[in-house]
Amino acid sequence: MQQIDSEIEKVSEIILNGLHKRWDSMPKQPVKKAIIAMTEKLQHILFPGVFENTDIRTLLEDFSHELSAQIKLALRHELQYRNSAQSEINDAALEITLKLISKIPVIKERLETDVEAIYNGDPAAYSKAEIIISYPGLYAAMIYRIAHELYLLSVPLIPRIMSEHAHSVTGIDIHPGAAIGKYFFIDHGTGVVIGETTVIGDHVKLYQGVTLGALSTKGGQSLKSVKRHPTINDNVTIYSGASILGGSTVIGEGVVVGGNAFVIKSVPENTRVSVKNPELQFKSSGNTPASKELDQMDFWYYEI
């Protein structure tokens, strides 16, 4: 036991020495638990009457104070604020908070269109309240729409903490930098990935496992600010497992992309993209005939 204690002390010293060398100058991080709690509070603000707490004014006051406190911590990670006086950071955090609060009606309006799209597009939806309370696609969209506004305000860390929380809860990974229009519907959702420079129009529907990604990221930081992800125009449906990649890839209005399609070139409007149906073979275990043909479509688009 004495040997273990001695080894623990030795390893602790090594780690702490490395920590002091590398992280002493690193400012404090925003508090992840506080940011998650803020998003839950904002959910009650955005959908008043659905959740139990309907004191909107108090919720907004609490949210604004908490957001401002976290922004103060986050701004220290921006190079321009590294050596700034605390008063300057306080002023910047207050200005950002005011701008975000002023955007809440816009976020609410966008989310209401998302709820409408889900309700109209999903025959399994019992009610709009059910969608708001329980649908992972709407929750991910809500977190995205908040995080996106903070991203546009150049707030470091917090937008990504929000989006990764939504990712961990729903399995849906939406970068806060993506630009997404109204009436957005993610059905089922697990495994959906939407990259930072993706542009999505209005009335777009995605199913589970869809990737809107980059062709390659081997350029690393040299690709920062380069459009790496596709543009999806209005009224597009993308079925499960499809991958659409590349910053120059544009999916035209009214396109339907079938399940498991792999698309790296632009698609003109009102086109159907599909994977040719694989051939199925059936082999019996007895003396009965070894194969059987099934009537199938040559191409398939939809999931069941």
C-alpha atoms as a PDB file:
ATOM      1  CA  MET A   1       0.000   0.000   0.000  1.00  0.00           C
ATOM      2  CA  GLN A   2       2.904   2.309   0.805  1.00  0.00           C
ATOM      3  CA  GLN A   3       4.305   1.702  -2.689  1.00  0.00           C
ATOM      4  CA  ILE A   4       0.962   2.687  -4.265  1.00  0.00           C
ATOM      5  CA  ASP A   5       0.784   5.861  -2.168  1.00  0.00           C
ATOM      6  CA  SER A   6       4.321   6.748  -3.182  1.00  0.00           C
ATOM      7  CA  GLU A   7       3.572   6.178  -6.869  1.00  0.00           C
ATOM      8  CA  ILE A   8       0.365   8.249  -6.653  1.00  0.00           C
ATOM      9  CA  GLU A   9       2.298  11.132  -5.116  1.00  0.00           C
ATOM     10  CA  LYS A  10       4.968  10.883  -7.835  1.00  0.00           C
ATOM     11  CA  VAL A  11       2.430  10.847 -10.710  1.00  0.00           C
ATOM     12  CA  SER A  12       0.450  13.684  -9.127  1.00  0.00           C
ATOM     13  CA  GLU A  13       3.559  15.874  -9.034  1.00  0.00           C
ATOM     14  CA  ILE A  14       4.324  15.114 -12.706  1.00  0.00           C
ATOM     15  CA  ILE A  15       0.790  16.003 -13.794  1.00  0.00           C
ATOM     16  CA  LEU A  16       0.618  19.160 -11.677  1.00  0.00           C
ATOM     17  CA  ASN A  17       4.005  20.345 -12.939  1.00  0.00           C
ATOM     18  CA  GLY A  18       2.818  19.863 -16.516  1.00  0.00           C
ATOM     19  CA  LEU A  19      -0.442  21.620 -15.681  1.00  0.00           C
ATOM     20  CA  HIS A  20       1.363  24.659 -14.299  1.00  0.00           C
ATOM     21  CA  LYS A  21       3.582  24.854 -17.370  1.00  0.00           C
ATOM     22  CA  ARG A  22       0.743  24.595 -19.871  1.00  0.00           C
ATOM     23  CA  TRP A  23      -2.391  25.981 -18.267  1.00  0.00           C
ATOM     24  CA  ASP A  24      -1.403  28.624 -15.727  1.00  0.00           C
ATOM     25  CA  SER A  25      -2.153  31.405 -18.209  1.00  0.00           C
ATOM     26  CA  MET A  26      -5.430  29.821 -19.372  1.00  0.00           C
ATOM     27  CA  PRO A  27      -8.503  31.791 -18.194  1.00  0.00           C
ATOM     28  CA  LYS A  28     -11.361  30.078 -16.401  1.00  0.00           C
ATOM     29  CA  GLN A  29     -13.822  28.160 -18.549  1.00  0.00           C
ATOM     30  CA  PRO A  30     -17.552  28.784 -18.844  1.00  0.00           C
ATOM     31  CA  VAL A  31     -19.434  26.389 -16.569  1.00  0.00           C
ATOM     32  CA  LYS A  32     -21.003  23.623 -18.625  1.00  0.00           C
ATOM     33  CA  LYS A  33     -23.716  22.791 -16.075  1.00  0.00           C
ATOM     34  CA  ALA A  34     -24.770  26.439 -15.915  1.00  0.00           C
ATOM     35  CA  ILE A  35     -24.999  26.662 -19.716  1.00  0.00           C
ATOM     36  CA  ILE A  36     -27.155  23.526 -19.912  1.00  0.00           C
ATOM     37  CA  ALA A  37     -29.422  24.898 -17.169  1.00  0.00           C
ATOM     38  CA  MET A  38     -29.742  28.161 -19.137  1.00  0.00           C
ATOM     39  CA  THR A  39     -30.891  26.331 -22.259  1.00  0.00           C
ATOM     40  CA  GLU A  40     -33.559  24.486 -20.267  1.00  0.00           C
ATOM     41  CA  LYS A  41     -34.761  27.833 -18.899  1.00  0.00           C
ATOM     42  CA  LEU A  42     -34.872  29.287 -22.401  1.00  0.00           C
ATOM     43  CA  GLN A  43     -36.940  26.311 -23.570  1.00  0.00           C
ATOM     44  CA  HIS A  44     -39.642  27.396 -21.092  1.00  0.00           C
ATOM     45  CA  ILE A  45     -39.407  30.969 -22.400  1.00  0.00           C
ATOM     46  CA  LEU A  46     -39.669  29.923 -26.039  1.00  0.00           C
ATOM     47  CA  PHE A  47     -42.683  27.654 -25.461  1.00  0.00           C
ATOM     48  CA  PRO A  48     -44.751  29.390 -22.763  1.00  0.00           C
ATOM     49  CA  GLY A  49     -47.705  27.396 -21.522  1.00  0.00           C
ATOM     50  CA  VAL A  50     -46.232  24.022 -22.491  1.00  0.00           C
ATOM     51  CA  PHE A  51     -43.974  23.748 -19.452  1.00  0.00           C
ATOM     52  CA  GLU A  52     -44.842  24.298 -15.802  1.00  0.00           C
ATOM     53  CA  ASN A  53     -42.942  27.560 -15.266  1.00  0.00           C
ATOM     54  CA  THR A  54     -44.817  30.381 -17.003  1.00  0.00           C
ATOM     55  CA  ASP A  55     -43.325  33.401 -15.213  1.00  0.00           C
ATOM     56  CA  ILE A  56     -41.650  34.617 -18.395  1.00  0.00           C
ATOM     57  CA  ARG A  57     -40.330  37.893 -16.992  1.00  0.00           C
ATOM     58  CA  THR A  58     -38.549  36.163 -14.094  1.00  0.00           C
ATOM     59  CA  LEU A  59     -37.205  33.480 -16.412  1.00  0.00           C
ATOM     60  CA  LEU A  60     -35.841  36.143 -18.776  1.00  0.00           C
ATOM     61  CA  GLU A  61     -34.210  38.021 -15.921  1.00  0.00           C
ATOM     62  CA  ASP A  62     -32.550  34.873 -14.584  1.00  0.00           C
ATOM     63  CA  PHE A  63     -31.486  33.777 -18.051  1.00  0.00           C
ATOM     64  CA  SER A  64     -29.947  37.155 -18.911  1.00  0.00           C
ATOM     65  CA  HIS A  65     -27.945  37.324 -15.649  1.00  0.00           C
ATOM     66  CA  GLU A  66     -26.682  33.752 -16.072  1.00  0.00           C
ATOM     67  CA  LEU A  67     -25.826  34.248 -19.734  1.00  0.00           C
ATOM     68  CA  SER A  68     -23.924  37.452 -19.038  1.00  0.00           C
ATOM     69  CA  ALA A  69     -21.886  35.707 -16.319  1.00  0.00           C
ATOM     70  CA  GLN A  70     -20.916  32.863 -18.674  1.00  0.00           C
ATOM     71  CA  ILE A  71     -20.090  35.230 -21.535  1.00  0.00           C
ATOM     72  CA  LYS A  72     -17.693  37.104 -19.240  1.00  0.00           C
ATOM     73  CA  LEU A  73     -15.802  33.853 -18.701  1.00  0.00           C
ATOM     74  CA  ALA A  74     -15.931  32.932 -22.396  1.00  0.00           C
ATOM     75  CA  LEU A  75     -14.642  36.275 -23.679  1.00  0.00           C
ATOM     76  CA  ARG A  76     -11.367  35.815 -21.815  1.00  0.00           C
ATOM     77  CA  HIS A  77     -10.607  33.099 -24.377  1.00  0.00           C
ATOM     78  CA  GLU A  78     -10.766  35.611 -27.226  1.00  0.00           C
ATOM     79  CA  LEU A  79      -7.361  37.030 -28.132  1.00  0.00           C
ATOM     80  CA  GLN A  80      -8.697  40.595 -28.222  1.00  0.00           C
ATOM     81  CA  TYR A  81      -9.871  40.332 -24.601  1.00  0.00           C
ATOM     82  CA  ARG A  82      -6.897  38.447 -23.116  1.00  0.00           C
ATOM     83  CA  ASN A  83      -5.400  41.568 -21.550  1.00  0.00           C
ATOM     84  CA  SER A  84      -8.558  43.659 -21.257  1.00  0.00           C
ATOM     85  CA  ALA A  85      -9.776  45.225 -18.042  1.00  0.00           C
ATOM     86  CA  GLN A  86     -12.686  43.433 -16.396  1.00  0.00           C
ATOM     87  CA  SER A  87     -14.867  46.492 -16.943  1.00  0.00           C
ATOM     88  CA  GLU A  88     -14.367  46.216 -20.710  1.00  0.00           C
ATOM     89  CA  ILE A  89     -15.305  42.531 -20.648  1.00  0.00           C
ATOM     90  CA  ASN A  90     -18.353  43.306 -18.498  1.00  0.00           C
ATOM     91  CA  ASP A  91     -19.525  45.899 -21.019  1.00  0.00           C
ATOM     92  CA  ALA A  92     -18.990  43.520 -23.959  1.00  0.00           C
ATOM     93  CA  ALA A  93     -20.854  40.705 -22.174  1.00  0.00           C
ATOM     94  CA  LEU A  94     -23.775  43.020 -21.409  1.00  0.00           C
ATOM     95  CA  GLU A  95     -23.983  44.160 -25.042  1.00  0.00           C
ATOM     96  CA  ILE A  96     -23.955  40.567 -26.320  1.00  0.00           C
ATOM     97  CA  THR A  97     -26.581  39.536 -23.777  1.00  0.00           C
ATOM     98  CA  LEU A  98     -28.867  42.401 -24.846  1.00  0.00           C
ATOM     99  CA  LYS A  99     -28.493  41.412 -28.497  1.00  0.00           C
ATOM    100  CA  LEU A 100     -29.304  37.773 -27.740  1.00  0.00           C
ATOM    101  CA  ILE A 101     -32.364  38.740 -25.657  1.00  0.00           C
ATOM    102  CA  SER A 102     -33.605  40.905 -28.528  1.00  0.00           C
ATOM    103  CA  LYS A 103     -33.322  37.888 -30.843  1.00  0.00           C
ATOM    104  CA  ILE A 104     -35.542  35.634 -28.723  1.00  0.00           C
ATOM    105  CA  PRO A 105     -38.778  36.591 -30.589  1.00  0.00           C
ATOM    106  CA  VAL A 106     -37.045  35.696 -33.892  1.00  0.00           C
ATOM    107  CA  ILE A 107     -35.814  32.365 -32.488  1.00  0.00           C
ATOM    108  CA  LYS A 108     -39.331  31.667 -31.196  1.00  0.00           C
ATOM    109  CA  GLU A 109     -40.878  32.406 -34.605  1.00  0.00           C
ATOM    110  CA  ARG A 110     -38.397  30.082 -36.334  1.00  0.00           C
ATOM    111  CA  LEU A 111     -39.058  27.293 -33.858  1.00  0.00           C
ATOM    112  CA  GLU A 112     -42.805  27.634 -34.311  1.00  0.00           C
ATOM    113  CA  THR A 113     -42.306  26.962 -38.031  1.00  0.00           C
ATOM    114  CA  ASP A 114     -40.225  23.903 -37.129  1.00  0.00           C
ATOM    115  CA  VAL A 115     -43.031  22.596 -34.905  1.00  0.00           C
ATOM    116  CA  GLU A 116     -45.498  23.203 -37.755  1.00  0.00           C
ATOM    117  CA  ALA A 117     -43.298  21.291 -40.215  1.00  0.00           C
ATOM    118  CA  ILE A 118     -42.982  18.322 -37.863  1.00  0.00           C
ATOM    119  CA  TYR A 119     -46.686  18.191 -37.041  1.00  0.00           C
ATOM    120  CA  ASN A 120     -47.730  18.431 -40.695  1.00  0.00           C
ATOM    121  CA  GLY A 121     -45.082  15.934 -41.810  1.00  0.00           C
ATOM    122  CA  ASP A 122     -45.343  13.227 -39.169  1.00  0.00           C
ATOM    123  CA  PRO A 123     -48.578  11.207 -38.947  1.00  0.00           C
ATOM    124  CA  ALA A 124     -47.300   9.730 -35.666  1.00  0.00           C
ATOM    125  CA  ALA A 125     -47.337  13.144 -33.958  1.00  0.00           C
ATOM    126  CA  TYR A 126     -50.170  13.240 -31.417  1.00  0.00           C
ATOM    127  CA  SER A 127     -50.012  16.979 -30.799  1.00  0.00           C
ATOM    128  CA  LYS A 128     -47.717  19.999 -31.047  1.00  0.00           C
ATOM    129  CA  ALA A 129     -47.184  19.825 -27.278  1.00  0.00           C
ATOM    130  CA  GLU A 130     -45.891  16.265 -27.672  1.00  0.00           C
ATOM    131  CA  ILE A 131     -43.427  17.485 -30.311  1.00  0.00           C
ATOM    132  CA  ILE A 132     -42.176  20.319 -28.103  1.00  0.00           C
ATOM    133  CA  ILE A 133     -41.782  18.127 -25.029  1.00  0.00           C
ATOM    134  CA  SER A 134     -40.413  14.923 -26.521  1.00  0.00           C
ATOM    135  CA  TYR A 135     -39.133  15.135 -30.120  1.00  0.00           C
ATOM    136  CA  PRO A 136     -35.311  15.027 -30.318  1.00  0.00           C
ATOM    137  CA  GLY A 137     -35.275  16.757 -33.709  1.00  0.00           C
ATOM    138  CA  LEU A 138     -37.024  19.811 -32.312  1.00  0.00           C
ATOM    139  CA  TYR A 139     -34.824  19.893 -29.204  1.00  0.00           C
ATOM    140  CA  ALA A 140     -31.696  19.809 -31.375  1.00  0.00           C
ATOM    141  CA  ALA A 141     -33.142  22.550 -33.600  1.00  0.00           C
ATOM    142  CA  MET A 142     -33.955  24.690 -30.544  1.00  0.00           C
ATOM    143  CA  ILE A 143     -30.425  24.406 -29.143  1.00  0.00           C
ATOM    144  CA  TYR A 144     -29.004  25.079 -32.610  1.00  0.00           C
ATOM    145  CA  ARG A 145     -31.079  28.236 -33.117  1.00  0.00           C
ATOM    146  CA  ILE A 146     -29.895  29.664 -29.769  1.00  0.00           C
ATOM    147  CA  ALA A 147     -26.273  28.627 -30.305  1.00  0.00           C
ATOM    148  CA  HIS A 148     -26.307  30.002 -33.861  1.00  0.00           C
ATOM    149  CA  GLU A 149     -27.184  33.497 -32.660  1.00  0.00           C
ATOM    150  CA  LEU A 150     -24.336  33.399 -30.138  1.00  0.00           C
ATOM    151  CA  TYR A 151     -22.034  32.098 -32.870  1.00  0.00           C
ATOM    152  CA  LEU A 152     -22.981  35.079 -35.059  1.00  0.00           C
ATOM    153  CA  LEU A 153     -22.145  37.341 -32.113  1.00  0.00           C
ATOM    154  CA  SER A 154     -18.643  35.758 -32.025  1.00  0.00           C
ATOM    155  CA  VAL A 155     -19.070  34.305 -28.533  1.00  0.00           C
ATOM    156  CA  PRO A 156     -16.388  31.650 -27.987  1.00  0.00           C
ATOM    157  CA  LEU A 157     -16.972  28.210 -26.423  1.00  0.00           C
ATOM    158  CA  ILE A 158     -20.604  28.628 -25.337  1.00  0.00           C
ATOM    159  CA  PRO A 159     -22.272  27.861 -28.715  1.00  0.00           C
ATOM    160  CA  ARG A 160     -20.247  24.659 -29.067  1.00  0.00           C
ATOM    161  CA  ILE A 161     -20.951  23.609 -25.479  1.00  0.00           C
ATOM    162  CA  MET A 162     -24.665  24.018 -26.252  1.00  0.00           C
ATOM    163  CA  SER A 163     -24.543  22.093 -29.519  1.00  0.00           C
ATOM    164  CA  GLU A 164     -22.486  19.255 -28.040  1.00  0.00           C
ATOM    165  CA  HIS A 165     -24.967  18.970 -25.176  1.00  0.00           C
ATOM    166  CA  ALA A 166     -27.764  18.571 -27.746  1.00  0.00           C
ATOM    167  CA  HIS A 167     -25.592  16.059 -29.605  1.00  0.00           C
ATOM    168  CA  SER A 168     -25.086  13.964 -26.465  1.00  0.00           C
ATOM    169  CA  VAL A 169     -28.814  14.018 -25.636  1.00  0.00           C
ATOM    170  CA  THR A 170     -30.287  13.466 -29.123  1.00  0.00           C
ATOM    171  CA  GLY A 171     -27.543  11.951 -31.280  1.00  0.00           C
ATOM    172  CA  ILE A 172     -27.980  14.917 -33.651  1.00  0.00           C
ATOM    173  CA  ASP A 173     -24.817  16.935 -34.339  1.00  0.00           C
ATOM    174  CA  ILE A 174     -25.526  20.431 -35.707  1.00  0.00           C
ATOM    175  CA  HIS A 175     -22.634  22.861 -35.764  1.00  0.00           C
ATOM    176  CA  PRO A 176     -23.780  26.298 -34.541  1.00  0.00           C
ATOM    177  CA  GLY A 177     -22.228  27.920 -37.616  1.00  0.00           C
ATOM    178  CA  ALA A 178     -24.621  26.208 -40.047  1.00  0.00           C
ATOM    179  CA  ALA A 179     -27.313  28.419 -41.618  1.00  0.00           C
ATOM    180  CA  ILE A 180     -30.755  26.757 -41.456  1.00  0.00           C
ATOM    181  CA  GLY A 181     -34.012  28.203 -42.750  1.00  0.00           C
ATOM    182  CA  LYS A 182     -37.608  27.904 -41.549  1.00  0.00           C
ATOM    183  CA  TYR A 183     -39.846  24.799 -41.367  1.00  0.00           C
ATOM    184  CA  PHE A 184     -36.891  22.515 -40.612  1.00  0.00           C
ATOM    185  CA  PHE A 185     -37.758  18.885 -39.824  1.00  0.00           C
ATOM    186  CA  ILE A 186     -35.388  16.174 -38.614  1.00  0.00           C
ATOM    187  CA  ASP A 187     -37.339  12.899 -38.369  1.00  0.00           C
ATOM    188  CA  HIS A 188     -36.024  10.330 -35.850  1.00  0.00           C
ATOM    189  CA  GLY A 189     -32.669  12.097 -35.990  1.00  0.00           C
ATOM    190  CA  THR A 190     -30.071   9.723 -34.567  1.00  0.00           C
ATOM    191  CA  GLY A 191     -26.780  10.059 -36.429  1.00  0.00           C
ATOM    192  CA  VAL A 192     -27.582  13.282 -38.300  1.00  0.00           C
ATOM    193  CA  VAL A 193     -24.477  15.439 -38.845  1.00  0.00           C
ATOM    194  CA  ILE A 194     -24.633  19.026 -40.175  1.00  0.00           C
ATOM    195  CA  GLY A 195     -21.282  20.746 -40.669  1.00  0.00           C
ATOM    196  CA  GLU A 196     -20.269  24.314 -39.876  1.00  0.00           C
ATOM    197  CA  THR A 197     -20.577  25.861 -43.344  1.00  0.00           C
ATOM    198  CA  THR A 198     -23.749  24.015 -44.389  1.00  0.00           C
ATOM    199  CA  VAL A 199     -26.532  26.199 -45.790  1.00  0.00           C
ATOM    200  CA  ILE A 200     -30.088  24.828 -45.610  1.00  0.00           C
ATOM    201  CA  GLY A 201     -33.159  26.529 -47.071  1.00  0.00           C
ATOM    202  CA  ASP A 202     -36.811  26.435 -46.003  1.00  0.00           C
ATOM    203  CA  HIS A 203     -39.030  23.341 -45.796  1.00  0.00           C
ATOM    204  CA  VAL A 204     -36.149  20.847 -45.680  1.00  0.00           C
ATOM    205  CA  LYS A 205     -36.669  17.398 -44.163  1.00  0.00           C
ATOM    206  CA  LEU A 206     -33.868  15.065 -43.036  1.00  0.00           C
ATOM    207  CA  TYR A 207     -34.096  11.512 -41.783  1.00  0.00           C
ATOM    208  CA  GLN A 208     -31.785   9.651 -39.415  1.00  0.00           C
ATOM    209  CA  GLY A 209     -28.176   9.058 -40.382  1.00  0.00           C
ATOM    210  CA  VAL A 210     -27.936  11.926 -42.888  1.00  0.00           C
ATOM    211  CA  THR A 211     -24.521  13.566 -43.186  1.00  0.00           C
ATOM    212  CA  LEU A 212     -24.078  17.047 -44.633  1.00  0.00           C
ATOM    213  CA  GLY A 213     -20.320  17.090 -44.466  1.00  0.00           C
ATOM    214  CA  ALA A 214     -16.972  17.996 -45.963  1.00  0.00           C
ATOM    215  CA  LEU A 215     -15.184  16.000 -48.648  1.00  0.00           C
ATOM    216  CA  SER A 216     -11.908  16.264 -46.756  1.00  0.00           C
ATOM    217  CA  THR A 217     -10.568  18.058 -43.710  1.00  0.00           C
ATOM    218  CA  LYS A 218      -6.920  17.013 -44.086  1.00  0.00           C
ATOM    219  CA  GLY A 219      -6.034  20.679 -44.614  1.00  0.00           C
ATOM    220  CA  GLY A 220      -6.864  21.265 -40.939  1.00  0.00           C
ATOM    221  CA  GLN A 221      -6.766  24.887 -39.769  1.00  0.00           C
ATOM    222  CA  SER A 222      -5.935  26.121 -43.282  1.00  0.00           C
ATOM    223  CA  LEU A 223      -9.575  25.330 -44.189  1.00  0.00           C
ATOM    224  CA  LYS A 224     -10.991  27.616 -41.513  1.00  0.00           C
ATOM    225  CA  SER A 225     -13.538  30.040 -43.033  1.00  0.00           C
ATOM    226  CA  VAL A 226     -13.571  28.008 -46.287  1.00  0.00           C
ATOM    227  CA  LYS A 227     -16.992  26.653 -47.340  1.00  0.00           C
ATOM    228  CA  ARG A 228     -16.546  22.924 -46.833  1.00  0.00           C
ATOM    229  CA  HIS A 229     -20.145  21.725 -46.555  1.00  0.00           C
ATOM    230  CA  PRO A 230     -23.052  21.574 -49.031  1.00  0.00           C
ATOM    231  CA  THR A 231     -25.904  23.951 -49.784  1.00  0.00           C
ATOM    232  CA  ILE A 232     -29.410  22.458 -49.590  1.00  0.00           C
ATOM    233  CA  ASN A 233     -32.097  24.568 -51.248  1.00  0.00           C
ATOM    234  CA  ASP A 234     -35.806  24.806 -50.374  1.00  0.00           C
ATOM    235  CA  ASN A 235     -38.241  21.867 -50.296  1.00  0.00           C
ATOM    236  CA  VAL A 236     -35.591  19.141 -50.264  1.00  0.00           C
ATOM    237  CA  THR A 237     -36.065  15.722 -48.625  1.00  0.00           C
ATOM    238  CA  ILE A 238     -33.027  13.605 -47.732  1.00  0.00           C
ATOM    239  CA  TYR A 239     -33.682  10.030 -46.640  1.00  0.00           C
ATOM    240  CA  SER A 240     -31.862   7.911 -44.086  1.00  0.00           C
ATOM    241  CA  GLY A 241     -28.172   7.178 -44.426  1.00  0.00           C
ATOM    242  CA  ALA A 242     -27.553   9.618 -47.281  1.00  0.00           C
ATOM    243  CA  SER A 243     -24.286  11.573 -47.363  1.00  0.00           C
ATOM    244  CA  ILE A 244     -23.979  14.884 -49.202  1.00  0.00           C
ATOM    245  CA  LEU A 245     -20.457  16.248 -49.152  1.00  0.00           C
ATOM    246  CA  GLY A 246     -18.446  19.229 -50.333  1.00  0.00           C
ATOM    247  CA  GLY A 247     -18.616  22.996 -50.205  1.00  0.00           C
ATOM    248  CA  SER A 248     -19.359  23.339 -53.919  1.00  0.00           C
ATOM    249  CA  THR A 249     -22.168  20.750 -53.823  1.00  0.00           C
ATOM    250  CA  VAL A 250     -25.569  22.402 -54.286  1.00  0.00           C
ATOM    251  CA  ILE A 251     -28.814  20.437 -54.000  1.00  0.00           C
ATOM    252  CA  GLY A 252     -31.480  22.178 -56.053  1.00  0.00           C
ATOM    253  CA  GLU A 253     -34.995  23.051 -54.940  1.00  0.00           C
ATOM    254  CA  GLY A 254     -37.459  20.152 -54.756  1.00  0.00           C
ATOM    255  CA  VAL A 255     -34.822  17.406 -54.886  1.00  0.00           C
ATOM    256  CA  VAL A 256     -35.433  14.035 -53.202  1.00  0.00           C
ATOM    257  CA  VAL A 257     -32.279  12.164 -52.174  1.00  0.00           C
ATOM    258  CA  GLY A 258     -32.878   8.466 -51.530  1.00  0.00           C
ATOM    259  CA  GLY A 259     -31.558   6.445 -48.612  1.00  0.00           C
ATOM    260  CA  ASN A 260     -27.831   5.588 -48.545  1.00  0.00           C
ATOM    261  CA  ALA A 261     -27.054   7.807 -51.543  1.00  0.00           C
ATOM    262  CA  PHE A 262     -23.532   9.262 -51.651  1.00  0.00           C
ATOM    263  CA  VAL A 263     -23.594  12.654 -53.357  1.00  0.00           C
ATOM    264  CA  ILE A 264     -20.498  14.768 -54.064  1.00  0.00           C
ATOM    265  CA  LYS A 265     -21.763  16.733 -57.087  1.00  0.00           C
ATOM    266  CA  SER A 266     -24.500  19.312 -57.460  1.00  0.00           C
ATOM    267  CA  VAL A 267     -28.011  18.110 -58.272  1.00  0.00           C
ATOM    268  CA  PRO A 268     -30.422  20.190 -60.413  1.00  0.00           C
ATOM    269  CA  GLU A 269     -33.828  21.129 -59.039  1.00  0.00           C
ATOM    270  CA  ASN A 270     -36.759  18.690 -58.998  1.00  0.00           C
ATOM    271  CA  THR A 271     -34.475  15.658 -59.407  1.00  0.00           C
ATOM    272  CA  ARG A 272     -34.693  12.301 -57.654  1.00  0.00           C
ATOM    273  CA  VAL A 273     -31.384  10.786 -56.624  1.00  0.00           C
ATOM    274  CA  SER A 274     -31.484   7.102 -55.795  1.00  0.00           C
ATOM    275  CA  VAL A 275     -29.366   4.023 -55.232  1.00  0.00           C
ATOM    276  CA  LYS A 276     -30.051   1.120 -57.581  1.00  0.00           C
ATOM    277  CA  ASN A 277     -31.741  -1.656 -55.652  1.00  0.00           C
ATOM    278  CA  PRO A 278     -29.290  -4.398 -54.610  1.00  0.00           C
ATOM    279  CA  GLU A 279     -30.115  -7.900 -55.843  1.00  0.00           C
ATOM    280  CA  LEU A 280     -31.509 -10.176 -53.136  1.00  0.00           C
ATOM    281  CA  GLN A 281     -30.799 -13.920 -53.218  1.00  0.00           C
ATOM    282  CA  PHE A 282     -32.724 -16.534 -51.244  1.00  0.00           C
ATOM    283  CA  LYS A 283     -31.272 -20.000 -50.557  1.00  0.00           C
ATOM    284  CA  SER A 284     -33.359 -22.720 -48.953  1.00  0.00           C
ATOM    285  CA  SER A 285     -32.034 -25.321 -46.517  1.00  0.00           C
ATOM    286  CA  GLY A 286     -33.875 -28.378 -47.912  1.00  0.00           C
ATOM    287  CA  ASN A 287     -34.539 -29.909 -51.322  1.00  0.00           C
ATOM    288  CA  THR A 288     -36.819 -27.056 -52.326  1.00  0.00           C
ATOM    289  CA  PRO A 289     -35.667 -24.687 -55.116  1.00  0.00           C
ATOM    290  CA  ALA A 290     -32.640 -22.668 -54.066  1.00  0.00           C
ATOM    291  CA  SER A 291     -33.637 -19.242 -55.354  1.00  0.00           C
ATOM    292  CA  LYS A 292     -36.675 -17.071 -55.500  1.00  0.00           C
ATOM    293  CA  GLU A 293     -37.204 -13.815 -57.305  1.00  0.00           C
ATOM    294  CA  LEU A 294     -39.080 -10.953 -55.753  1.00  0.00           C
ATOM    295  CA  ASP A 295     -40.790  -8.173 -57.583  1.00  0.00           C
ATOM    296  CA  GLN A 296     -38.927  -5.014 -56.648  1.00  0.00           C
ATOM    297  CA  MET A 297     -38.553  -1.539 -58.021  1.00  0.00           C
ATOM    298  CA  ASP A 298     -35.349  -0.985 -59.958  1.00  0.00           C
ATOM    299  CA  PHE A 299     -34.712   2.092 -57.864  1.00  0.00           C
ATOM    300  CA  TRP A 300     -35.778   3.072 -54.389  1.00  0.00           C
ATOM    301  CA  TYR A 301     -36.097   6.401 -52.676  1.00  0.00           C
ATOM    302  CA  TYR A 302     -37.985   6.005 -49.471  1.00  0.00           C
ATOM    303  CA  GLU A 303     -37.620   4.402 -46.131  1.00  0.00           C
ATOM    304  CA  ILE A 304     -40.290   2.478 -44.258  1.00  0.00           C
END
